[in-house]
Amino acid sequence: MLIIKFFDTKFAIRSGGHSTNIGFANVEDYGILIDVVNLDQITYNEKTITFGSGQRWGQVYNYLNNTGVIAVGGRSPDVGVGGLMLGGGMPYFSSLYGIVSDGAQEHELVLANSSIVRANAQQNTDLFMALKGGGSNFGIVTKYSVDAVPSTDIWFEARTYNSNQTNELFQALVKYQAASENDINANLVFSIGNEATLVGFVYAKPVTRPAVYSSFYNIPFTMSFINSTIGSPQALVEAFSSVGGTVVARYNTCTATLKPDINTFEESYAKWLDISAKAAKDFGAIMTYGIQPFTSAAAKHGDTKGGNALGLDKVGQSCTFGLVKYPWLGCEKSLTGVFGIGIAITVQWESSTDDAAAQQALLSGCNAVRDTASSNGVLLPFLFMNDANYAQDVLSSYGAASKSQLKAVAKKYDPQGLFQTQQNNGFLLSKSV
């Protein structure tokens, strides 16, 4: 870092390189790319799993297979551990364990002055909290220690449905979300395409077809995408890794948040159909519309684990987001005591000549959700960093108190603002209005 400062050069940090945003994990013209891929050590005991920031979640899960413990981490095996941890991260079973960063016990990182420090619940506690959702504003994390949780058998299944059943599935989804507030073992995967909808049931106990999903069971489905399975968490990740389908050359993401509202789901989905059809016709894009619940139990874990940067209320969250690759998460601060739910919109495309059109389609999909939610009085401000677009002000969405605290931490540990002025891009405090 001292060399970077001396030569006043741009730099970027790459863990898995999974970010869809331009310049977040690369330097376009000139500068230094700090790729931590070789920081790949893993150790574990019954309470703690420690891994380097160059690991990917699939490698972590494979290493821990048959050990009796597992890390609470990413849903996709190819995602790097670093970006997911620093952005908050959405795991399976967030009601049981919170977001991914809530499971952190310690971060080891290099500061702007090249010193190596540890941040945990006993030392550098302000930095410890800021790293849980505050992004790459404070240093280069080289190693994470996280909670080891028991790796026991679970149940999962995925079904596909005809596209004309979507509104019926929305009704089932709302009923499921209410039921999941009373069952912390439940999780759901919900992804809509132009021709079919996939619904995945993921339950943290080896119980086949538990009652929490009963609103879906009587809806006819076209096929079993994943057969009913009692298996390990690793088997779950492997089974669902193909949910996004074949990923084409280019993708990007954006996110929004709302209170759960059936009218908003149906109205915004109808708008999405028009947007996705036009994108497919104009430049061969593939778009999906996904949904992810986030319960009040999930939000409570942050406080019990020493706090995080996201500013989530201890009530059910409603997360709406649009991304360009995977139909997963984004979670928001709910302003009332109702449970919440998230919407994800994805787009994929082939040619760089269509980048602007893809960005426009993506933002149109997100705006369809946001505008509809605003009209219906259910739009919320929070933006989930891991699924946000580079044009969005994520850190301001955490709320004034959280943002002020993050600024104070950045000033304390990086007083000359190296990570704000020379870092190539990212969700930086210096860019947050």
Protein backbone atom coordinates (compact mmCIF):
# COMPACT_ATOMS: atom_id res chain seq x y z
CA MET A 1 0.00 0.00 0.00
CA LEU A 2 2.90 2.34 0.64
CA ILE A 3 4.12 1.78 -2.92
CA ILE A 4 0.64 2.48 -4.30
CA LYS A 5 0.50 5.65 -2.25
CA PHE A 6 3.98 6.77 -3.30
CA PHE A 7 3.28 6.39 -7.01
CA ASP A 8 -0.26 7.77 -6.65
CA THR A 9 -1.63 5.00 -8.83
CA LYS A 10 -5.10 3.53 -9.05
CA PHE A 11 -5.66 0.07 -7.61
CA ALA A 12 -8.42 -2.52 -7.40
CA ILE A 13 -8.88 -5.56 -5.16
CA ARG A 14 -10.13 -8.91 -6.44
CA SER A 15 -11.27 -11.90 -4.40
CA GLY A 16 -13.45 -13.99 -6.72
CA GLY A 17 -14.04 -11.25 -9.27
CA HIS A 18 -17.76 -11.97 -9.10
CA SER A 19 -18.85 -8.33 -9.00
CA THR A 20 -20.77 -7.35 -12.09
CA ASN A 21 -19.87 -3.68 -11.77
CA ILE A 22 -17.28 -2.02 -13.99
CA GLY A 23 -13.98 -1.36 -12.27
CA PHE A 24 -14.91 -2.87 -8.93
CA ALA A 25 -12.54 -5.83 -9.29
CA ASN A 26 -10.33 -4.58 -12.13
CA VAL A 27 -8.46 -1.52 -13.40
CA GLU A 28 -9.47 -0.48 -16.91
CA ASP A 29 -6.53 1.53 -18.24
CA TYR A 30 -3.60 1.59 -15.84
CA GLY A 31 -2.98 0.78 -12.21
CA ILE A 32 -2.44 -2.20 -9.92
CA LEU A 33 -4.80 -5.14 -9.52
CA ILE A 34 -4.36 -6.80 -6.12
CA ASP A 35 -5.62 -10.33 -6.72
CA VAL A 36 -5.75 -12.30 -3.47
CA VAL A 37 -6.36 -15.65 -5.19
CA ASN A 38 -3.29 -17.25 -3.59
CA LEU A 39 -4.48 -16.45 -0.07
CA ASP A 40 -6.32 -19.75 -0.04
CA GLN A 41 -5.52 -21.47 3.24
CA ILE A 42 -8.33 -23.12 5.25
CA THR A 43 -8.28 -24.41 8.83
CA TYR A 44 -11.11 -25.36 11.15
CA ASN A 45 -12.12 -26.68 14.54
CA GLU A 46 -15.49 -27.29 16.12
CA LYS A 47 -16.04 -23.56 16.75
CA THR A 48 -14.12 -21.64 14.09
CA ILE A 49 -13.38 -21.86 10.38
CA THR A 50 -10.55 -19.69 9.05
CA PHE A 51 -9.90 -19.12 5.35
CA GLY A 52 -7.94 -16.74 3.16
CA SER A 53 -9.75 -14.08 1.18
CA GLY A 54 -8.76 -15.76 -2.09
CA GLN A 55 -11.05 -18.72 -1.44
CA ARG A 56 -14.35 -19.34 -3.18
CA TRP A 57 -17.33 -20.66 -1.28
CA GLY A 58 -17.46 -23.92 -3.22
CA GLN A 59 -13.86 -24.65 -2.25
CA VAL A 60 -14.63 -23.92 1.39
CA TYR A 61 -17.64 -26.25 1.34
CA ASN A 62 -15.66 -29.03 -0.39
CA TYR A 63 -12.85 -28.77 2.15
CA LEU A 64 -15.30 -29.03 5.03
CA ASN A 65 -17.30 -31.90 3.56
CA ASN A 66 -17.63 -34.78 6.04
CA THR A 67 -16.02 -32.77 8.86
CA GLY A 68 -19.28 -32.23 10.73
CA VAL A 69 -19.08 -28.45 10.45
CA ILE A 70 -19.91 -25.92 7.73
CA ALA A 71 -19.51 -22.19 7.18
CA VAL A 72 -22.54 -19.96 6.61
CA GLY A 73 -21.65 -18.59 3.20
CA GLY A 74 -22.66 -17.95 -0.37
CA ARG A 75 -25.24 -19.82 -2.35
CA SER A 76 -23.15 -20.05 -5.49
CA PRO A 77 -19.95 -22.14 -5.30
CA ASP A 78 -17.97 -19.88 -7.66
CA VAL A 79 -18.47 -16.68 -5.63
CA GLY A 80 -15.35 -15.40 -3.84
CA VAL A 81 -15.53 -15.14 -0.08
CA GLY A 82 -14.19 -11.57 0.10
CA GLY A 83 -16.79 -9.53 -1.74
CA LEU A 84 -19.68 -11.47 -0.27
CA MET A 85 -18.44 -11.04 3.30
CA LEU A 86 -17.77 -7.31 2.92
CA GLY A 87 -21.14 -6.68 1.26
CA GLY A 88 -23.13 -8.50 3.93
CA GLY A 89 -23.90 -11.66 2.01
CA MET A 90 -27.12 -13.65 1.80
CA PRO A 91 -26.84 -17.34 2.73
CA TYR A 92 -29.32 -20.14 2.84
CA PHE A 93 -30.92 -20.20 6.29
CA SER A 94 -30.57 -16.52 7.13
CA SER A 95 -33.33 -16.95 9.74
CA LEU A 96 -31.09 -19.39 11.62
CA TYR A 97 -27.79 -17.53 11.29
CA GLY A 98 -28.34 -14.02 9.91
CA ILE A 99 -26.49 -12.65 6.90
CA VAL A 100 -23.11 -14.10 6.00
CA SER A 101 -21.09 -11.32 7.64
CA ASP A 102 -22.94 -11.84 10.94
CA GLY A 103 -20.99 -15.08 11.30
CA ALA A 104 -17.62 -13.33 11.24
CA GLN A 105 -15.44 -13.79 14.33
CA GLU A 106 -12.41 -11.90 13.06
CA HIS A 107 -10.99 -10.10 10.05
CA GLU A 108 -7.27 -9.82 9.36
CA LEU A 109 -6.53 -6.90 7.05
CA VAL A 110 -3.89 -4.61 5.64
CA LEU A 111 -4.53 -0.91 6.25
CA ALA A 112 -3.56 2.03 4.06
CA ASN A 113 -0.28 2.45 6.00
CA SER A 114 0.61 -1.21 5.22
CA SER A 115 0.16 -2.32 8.84
CA ILE A 116 -1.61 -5.61 9.50
CA VAL A 117 -4.37 -5.52 12.10
CA ARG A 118 -7.10 -7.75 13.42
CA ALA A 119 -10.67 -6.66 13.94
CA ASN A 120 -12.93 -8.68 16.22
CA ALA A 121 -15.26 -8.31 19.18
CA GLN A 122 -12.37 -7.45 21.52
CA GLN A 123 -10.02 -5.29 19.43
CA ASN A 124 -10.73 -2.67 16.78
CA THR A 125 -14.41 -3.28 17.41
CA ASP A 126 -15.55 -0.28 15.37
CA LEU A 127 -13.66 -1.59 12.36
CA PHE A 128 -15.06 -5.07 12.98
CA MET A 129 -18.61 -3.79 12.69
CA ALA A 130 -17.86 -1.60 9.66
CA LEU A 131 -16.39 -4.51 7.71
CA LYS A 132 -19.69 -6.37 8.02
CA GLY A 133 -21.49 -4.72 5.10
CA GLY A 134 -19.34 -1.61 4.66
CA GLY A 135 -17.46 -2.85 1.60
CA SER A 136 -13.86 -2.13 0.63
CA ASN A 137 -13.61 1.27 2.33
CA PHE A 138 -11.22 0.36 5.14
CA GLY A 139 -8.48 -2.01 4.04
CA ILE A 140 -7.62 -5.21 2.20
CA VAL A 141 -8.92 -8.20 4.14
CA THR A 142 -6.51 -11.12 3.87
CA LYS A 143 -8.15 -13.65 6.20
CA TYR A 144 -11.54 -14.36 7.74
CA SER A 145 -12.46 -16.40 10.79
CA VAL A 146 -16.13 -17.33 10.95
CA ASP A 147 -18.48 -19.41 13.05
CA ALA A 148 -18.40 -23.16 12.49
CA VAL A 149 -21.98 -24.42 12.56
CA PRO A 150 -23.09 -28.07 12.62
CA SER A 151 -23.33 -29.68 9.20
CA THR A 152 -26.40 -31.86 9.45
CA ASP A 153 -28.69 -33.30 6.81
CA ILE A 154 -31.33 -30.98 5.35
CA TRP A 155 -34.19 -31.29 2.87
CA PHE A 156 -34.52 -29.58 -0.50
CA GLU A 157 -36.56 -29.82 -3.69
CA ALA A 158 -37.17 -27.60 -6.73
CA ARG A 159 -40.10 -27.53 -9.13
CA THR A 160 -40.82 -25.70 -12.38
CA TYR A 161 -44.18 -24.19 -13.31
CA ASN A 162 -45.77 -22.70 -16.42
CA SER A 163 -45.46 -18.93 -16.77
CA ASN A 164 -49.25 -18.53 -16.72
CA GLN A 165 -49.22 -19.77 -13.09
CA THR A 166 -47.13 -16.86 -11.83
CA ASN A 167 -49.89 -14.92 -10.10
CA GLU A 168 -51.06 -18.08 -8.35
CA LEU A 169 -47.49 -18.65 -7.18
CA PHE A 170 -47.36 -15.07 -5.87
CA GLN A 171 -50.35 -15.85 -3.67
CA ALA A 172 -48.62 -18.99 -2.38
CA LEU A 173 -45.47 -17.00 -1.77
CA VAL A 174 -47.21 -14.46 0.45
CA LYS A 175 -48.70 -17.29 2.52
CA TYR A 176 -45.30 -18.96 2.77
CA GLN A 177 -43.66 -15.72 3.93
CA ALA A 178 -46.15 -15.39 6.78
CA ALA A 179 -45.57 -19.01 7.78
CA SER A 180 -41.78 -18.66 7.61
CA GLU A 181 -41.86 -15.99 10.33
CA ASN A 182 -42.70 -18.88 12.67
CA ASP A 183 -40.27 -21.41 11.21
CA ILE A 184 -36.61 -20.38 11.19
CA ASN A 185 -35.62 -23.54 9.29
CA ALA A 186 -37.37 -22.46 6.09
CA ASN A 187 -35.86 -20.86 3.02
CA LEU A 188 -37.13 -20.38 -0.53
CA VAL A 189 -35.70 -19.97 -4.04
CA PHE A 190 -38.07 -18.28 -6.49
CA SER A 191 -37.04 -17.41 -10.07
CA ILE A 192 -39.35 -16.44 -12.93
CA GLY A 193 -38.37 -16.61 -16.60
CA ASN A 194 -40.38 -15.74 -19.67
CA GLU A 195 -41.44 -19.34 -20.20
CA ALA A 196 -41.27 -20.98 -16.79
CA THR A 197 -40.96 -20.34 -13.05
CA LEU A 198 -38.71 -22.27 -10.68
CA VAL A 199 -39.54 -22.61 -6.99
CA GLY A 200 -37.06 -24.27 -4.64
CA PHE A 201 -37.84 -25.41 -1.11
CA VAL A 202 -34.85 -25.51 1.27
CA TYR A 203 -35.38 -26.69 4.85
CA ALA A 204 -32.68 -26.87 7.54
CA LYS A 205 -33.87 -30.19 8.96
CA PRO A 206 -34.21 -33.64 7.31
CA VAL A 207 -37.99 -33.32 7.09
CA THR A 208 -39.59 -34.09 3.74
CA ARG A 209 -42.14 -31.50 2.53
CA PRO A 210 -42.70 -29.62 5.80
CA ALA A 211 -45.92 -27.69 6.37
CA VAL A 212 -44.32 -24.24 5.94
CA TYR A 213 -44.45 -24.78 2.14
CA SER A 214 -48.00 -26.15 2.08
CA SER A 215 -49.34 -23.22 0.02
CA PHE A 216 -47.31 -24.52 -2.95
CA TYR A 217 -47.95 -28.24 -2.74
CA ASN A 218 -51.31 -28.31 -4.51
CA ILE A 219 -50.25 -26.11 -7.44
CA PRO A 220 -49.58 -28.36 -10.46
CA PHE A 221 -45.97 -28.25 -11.66
CA THR A 222 -44.47 -29.20 -15.00
CA MET A 223 -41.39 -31.05 -13.75
CA SER A 224 -39.09 -31.66 -10.80
CA PHE A 225 -35.98 -29.58 -11.45
CA ILE A 226 -34.39 -31.07 -8.32
CA ASN A 227 -35.96 -34.18 -6.84
CA SER A 228 -36.96 -34.27 -3.18
CA THR A 229 -33.65 -34.84 -1.39
CA ILE A 230 -32.39 -35.40 2.12
CA GLY A 231 -28.73 -34.42 1.91
CA SER A 232 -25.84 -32.29 3.11
CA PRO A 233 -25.48 -28.51 2.78
CA GLN A 234 -22.75 -29.13 0.21
CA ALA A 235 -25.17 -31.24 -1.85
CA LEU A 236 -27.67 -28.39 -1.66
CA VAL A 237 -25.21 -25.85 -3.09
CA GLU A 238 -24.19 -28.20 -5.87
CA ALA A 239 -27.81 -28.96 -6.77
CA PHE A 240 -28.85 -25.32 -6.99
CA SER A 241 -25.68 -24.10 -8.72
CA SER A 242 -27.35 -24.68 -12.09
CA VAL A 243 -30.49 -22.67 -11.25
CA GLY A 244 -29.17 -19.60 -13.08
CA GLY A 245 -28.60 -21.67 -16.22
CA THR A 246 -25.71 -21.11 -18.58
CA VAL A 247 -24.27 -17.66 -17.98
CA VAL A 248 -23.43 -15.81 -21.18
CA ALA A 249 -20.61 -13.36 -21.62
CA ARG A 250 -21.94 -10.25 -19.87
CA TYR A 251 -24.21 -9.36 -16.95
CA ASN A 252 -24.81 -6.66 -14.34
CA THR A 253 -27.01 -6.04 -11.31
CA CYS A 254 -29.24 -3.54 -9.55
CA THR A 255 -31.40 -3.67 -6.43
CA ALA A 256 -34.39 -2.13 -4.67
CA THR A 257 -36.42 -2.89 -1.55
CA LEU A 258 -40.09 -2.89 -0.55
CA LYS A 259 -42.59 -4.14 1.96
CA PRO A 260 -44.30 -7.32 0.76
CA ASP A 261 -47.35 -6.43 -1.30
CA ILE A 262 -49.19 -8.74 -3.69
CA ASN A 263 -50.36 -5.87 -5.92
CA THR A 264 -46.79 -4.64 -6.33
CA PHE A 265 -45.59 -8.13 -7.22
CA GLU A 266 -48.27 -8.61 -9.87
CA GLU A 267 -48.09 -5.10 -11.34
CA SER A 268 -44.29 -4.93 -11.50
CA TYR A 269 -44.11 -8.44 -12.94
CA ALA A 270 -46.49 -7.41 -15.73
CA LYS A 271 -44.18 -4.49 -16.54
CA TRP A 272 -41.16 -6.79 -16.40
CA LEU A 273 -42.74 -9.06 -19.02
CA ASP A 274 -42.81 -6.19 -21.51
CA ILE A 275 -39.26 -5.09 -20.66
CA SER A 276 -37.81 -8.59 -20.92
CA ALA A 277 -39.62 -9.33 -24.19
CA LYS A 278 -38.24 -6.15 -25.75
CA ALA A 279 -34.70 -6.90 -24.52
CA ALA A 280 -34.88 -10.42 -25.93
CA LYS A 281 -36.07 -9.10 -29.29
CA ASP A 282 -33.63 -6.18 -29.51
CA PHE A 283 -30.37 -7.86 -28.46
CA GLY A 284 -31.07 -11.44 -27.42
CA ALA A 285 -31.04 -10.76 -23.68
CA ILE A 286 -32.16 -13.27 -21.07
CA MET A 287 -33.96 -11.79 -18.09
CA THR A 288 -35.43 -13.32 -14.96
CA TYR A 289 -37.52 -12.06 -12.07
CA GLY A 290 -36.66 -13.61 -8.71
CA ILE A 291 -37.94 -13.39 -5.16
CA GLN A 292 -36.22 -13.95 -1.81
CA PRO A 293 -37.85 -13.67 1.60
CA PHE A 294 -35.94 -12.24 4.56
CA THR A 295 -37.51 -12.66 7.97
CA SER A 296 -37.41 -10.67 11.18
CA ALA A 297 -35.39 -13.48 12.77
CA ALA A 298 -32.66 -12.96 10.18
CA ALA A 299 -32.37 -9.25 10.97
CA LYS A 300 -31.99 -9.88 14.72
CA HIS A 301 -28.73 -11.81 14.38
CA GLY A 302 -26.74 -8.67 13.60
CA ASP A 303 -27.05 -7.28 17.13
CA THR A 304 -26.32 -10.58 18.83
CA LYS A 305 -23.13 -10.89 16.75
CA GLY A 306 -21.75 -7.45 17.58
CA GLY A 307 -23.63 -5.39 15.01
CA ASN A 308 -23.23 -4.85 11.27
CA ALA A 309 -23.22 -1.83 8.96
CA LEU A 310 -26.53 -2.43 7.18
CA GLY A 311 -28.85 -0.67 9.61
CA LEU A 312 -31.53 -3.35 9.38
CA ASP A 313 -34.49 -3.07 11.74
CA LYS A 314 -35.35 -6.10 13.86
CA VAL A 315 -38.48 -6.78 11.85
CA GLY A 316 -39.17 -8.73 8.70
CA GLN A 317 -37.37 -7.34 5.70
CA SER A 318 -38.61 -6.72 2.22
CA CYS A 319 -35.88 -6.89 -0.37
CA THR A 320 -36.36 -6.04 -4.00
CA PHE A 321 -33.50 -6.16 -6.35
CA GLY A 322 -32.65 -6.63 -9.96
CA LEU A 323 -29.45 -8.27 -11.06
CA VAL A 324 -27.92 -9.41 -14.24
CA LYS A 325 -26.77 -12.84 -13.39
CA TYR A 326 -28.27 -14.74 -10.50
CA PRO A 327 -31.84 -14.45 -9.31
CA TRP A 328 -31.03 -14.03 -5.71
CA LEU A 329 -31.17 -11.42 -2.98
CA GLY A 330 -31.20 -7.88 -1.71
CA CYS A 331 -32.69 -6.93 1.64
CA GLU A 332 -34.28 -3.90 3.06
CA LYS A 333 -35.08 -2.07 6.19
CA SER A 334 -38.76 -2.55 6.97
CA LEU A 335 -40.49 0.41 8.54
CA THR A 336 -43.26 -1.60 10.17
CA GLY A 337 -43.55 -4.92 11.95
CA VAL A 338 -44.57 -6.88 8.86
CA PHE A 339 -42.47 -9.64 7.35
CA GLY A 340 -40.63 -8.91 4.13
CA ILE A 341 -39.84 -10.30 0.73
CA GLY A 342 -37.41 -9.49 -2.07
CA ILE A 343 -37.67 -9.27 -5.83
CA ALA A 344 -34.70 -9.85 -8.13
CA ILE A 345 -34.50 -9.01 -11.82
CA THR A 346 -31.66 -10.38 -13.93
CA VAL A 347 -30.38 -9.80 -17.46
CA GLN A 348 -27.65 -11.52 -19.46
CA TRP A 349 -26.35 -10.61 -22.91
CA GLU A 350 -23.52 -11.42 -25.32
CA SER A 351 -21.98 -8.39 -27.02
CA SER A 352 -20.23 -5.30 -25.68
CA THR A 353 -22.07 -3.30 -28.33
CA ASP A 354 -25.26 -3.92 -26.33
CA ASP A 355 -23.89 -2.84 -22.94
CA ALA A 356 -25.86 0.40 -22.87
CA ALA A 357 -29.06 -1.35 -23.93
CA ALA A 358 -28.57 -4.02 -21.26
CA GLN A 359 -28.01 -1.39 -18.57
CA GLN A 360 -31.15 0.39 -19.67
CA ALA A 361 -33.19 -2.83 -19.60
CA LEU A 362 -31.83 -3.64 -16.17
CA LEU A 363 -32.61 -0.22 -14.72
CA SER A 364 -36.02 -0.27 -16.38
CA GLY A 365 -36.75 -3.55 -14.62
CA CYS A 366 -35.62 -2.16 -11.27
CA ASN A 367 -37.53 1.07 -11.82
CA ALA A 368 -40.65 -0.90 -12.66
CA VAL A 369 -40.44 -2.42 -9.19
CA ARG A 370 -39.47 0.81 -7.47
CA ASP A 371 -42.10 2.97 -9.19
CA THR A 372 -44.85 0.43 -8.59
CA ALA A 373 -43.84 0.00 -4.95
CA SER A 374 -43.70 3.77 -4.48
CA SER A 375 -47.17 4.20 -5.98
CA ASN A 376 -48.47 1.51 -3.65
CA GLY A 377 -46.75 3.01 -0.61
CA VAL A 378 -44.42 0.08 0.04
CA LEU A 379 -41.04 1.25 -1.32
CA LEU A 380 -38.15 1.15 1.17
CA PRO A 381 -34.76 2.91 0.90
CA PHE A 382 -32.28 0.10 1.69
CA LEU A 383 -30.02 -1.27 -1.06
CA PHE A 384 -28.26 -4.62 -0.72
CA MET A 385 -24.61 -4.11 -1.69
CA ASN A 386 -23.98 -7.55 -3.15
CA ASP A 387 -26.72 -7.02 -5.74
CA ALA A 388 -26.48 -3.27 -6.28
CA ASN A 389 -25.64 -1.45 -9.50
CA TYR A 390 -22.67 0.91 -9.70
CA ALA A 391 -25.09 3.79 -10.25
CA GLN A 392 -26.77 3.23 -6.87
CA ASP A 393 -25.82 4.89 -3.58
CA VAL A 394 -25.73 1.85 -1.33
CA LEU A 395 -24.08 3.38 1.73
CA SER A 396 -26.63 6.20 1.99
CA SER A 397 -29.38 3.59 1.96
CA TYR A 398 -28.08 2.24 5.29
CA GLY A 399 -29.32 5.39 6.97
CA ALA A 400 -27.61 8.56 8.21
CA ALA A 401 -26.43 7.07 11.51
CA SER A 402 -24.77 4.05 9.92
CA LYS A 403 -23.17 6.10 7.16
CA SER A 404 -21.80 8.62 9.67
CA GLN A 405 -20.28 5.79 11.70
CA LEU A 406 -18.70 4.27 8.59
CA LYS A 407 -17.15 7.63 7.70
CA ALA A 408 -15.68 7.94 11.20
CA VAL A 409 -14.17 4.46 10.97
CA ALA A 410 -12.69 5.18 7.53
CA LYS A 411 -11.15 8.42 8.81
CA LYS A 412 -9.65 6.68 11.83
CA TYR A 413 -8.02 3.78 9.98
CA ASP A 414 -7.27 5.56 6.68
CA PRO A 415 -6.78 9.21 7.67
CA GLN A 416 -5.36 10.25 4.30
CA GLY A 417 -8.19 8.57 2.39
CA LEU A 418 -6.15 6.22 0.22
CA PHE A 419 -9.02 3.79 -0.20
CA GLN A 420 -11.34 6.66 -1.11
CA THR A 421 -9.16 8.47 -3.65
CA GLN A 422 -6.97 5.84 -5.28
CA GLN A 423 -9.22 2.79 -5.26
CA ASN A 424 -10.43 2.42 -8.83
CA ASN A 425 -14.13 1.95 -8.13
CA GLY A 426 -16.53 0.45 -5.64
CA PHE A 427 -19.25 1.46 -3.25
CA LEU A 428 -16.98 4.06 -1.70
CA LEU A 429 -17.83 6.57 0.99
CA SER A 430 -16.19 9.26 -1.15
CA LYS A 431 -18.78 8.62 -3.86
CA SER A 432 -21.77 8.46 -1.53
CA VAL A 433 -23.73 11.72 -1.50
